[in-house]
């Protein structure tokens, strides 16, 4: 029985760390995406203003 509970604890820790890892990846990509969109929007705005 103690070994089973130990295995469950290791499994839960693994899930927790994996979720943390995914969260970090999502945050990283989200920030990069926002930077990219910001540059893109700025370029579009500049073109629009120049044409205006």
Protein backbone atom coordinates (compact mmCIF):
# COMPACT_ATOMS: atom_id res chain seq x y z
CA UNK A 1 0.00 0.00 0.00
CA UNK A 2 2.68 2.63 0.82
CA UNK A 3 4.33 1.94 -2.54
CA UNK A 4 1.05 2.55 -4.33
CA UNK A 5 0.55 5.89 -2.60
CA UNK A 6 4.14 6.78 -3.44
CA UNK A 7 3.53 5.98 -7.10
CA UNK A 8 0.40 8.11 -7.09
CA UNK A 9 2.33 10.99 -5.54
CA UNK A 10 5.04 10.74 -8.22
CA UNK A 11 2.37 10.62 -10.92
CA UNK A 12 0.65 13.73 -9.50
CA UNK A 13 3.95 15.57 -9.32
CA UNK A 14 4.67 14.64 -12.92
CA UNK A 15 1.28 15.97 -14.05
CA UNK A 16 1.79 19.16 -12.07
CA UNK A 17 5.24 19.80 -13.57
CA UNK A 18 4.02 18.99 -17.04
CA UNK A 19 1.14 21.47 -16.70
CA UNK A 20 3.56 24.10 -15.47
CA UNK A 21 5.78 23.45 -18.47
CA UNK A 22 2.85 23.77 -20.88
CA UNK A 23 1.77 26.98 -19.18
CA UNK A 24 5.23 28.48 -19.61
CA UNK A 25 5.28 27.53 -23.29
CA UNK A 26 1.84 29.06 -23.82
CA UNK A 27 2.87 32.30 -22.09
CA UNK A 28 6.07 32.47 -24.12
CA UNK A 29 4.27 31.98 -27.43
CA UNK A 30 1.51 34.38 -26.41
CA UNK A 31 4.04 37.15 -25.67
CA UNK A 32 5.86 36.54 -28.96
CA UNK A 33 2.58 36.56 -30.83
CA UNK A 34 1.61 39.87 -29.24
CA UNK A 35 4.94 41.42 -30.21
CA UNK A 36 4.54 40.19 -33.75
CA UNK A 37 0.99 41.51 -33.99
CA UNK A 38 2.10 44.83 -32.55
CA UNK A 39 4.79 45.22 -35.22
CA UNK A 40 2.35 44.15 -37.90
CA UNK A 41 -0.32 46.61 -36.73
CA UNK A 42 2.20 49.41 -36.51
CA UNK A 43 3.30 48.74 -40.08
CA UNK A 44 -0.32 48.68 -41.25
CA UNK A 45 -1.04 51.93 -39.44
CA UNK A 46 2.01 53.60 -40.98
CA UNK A 47 0.93 52.51 -44.46
CA UNK A 48 -2.57 53.73 -43.83
CA UNK A 49 -1.35 57.11 -42.57
CA UNK A 50 1.03 57.50 -45.50
CA UNK A 51 -1.76 56.77 -47.94
CA UNK A 52 -4.04 59.10 -46.07
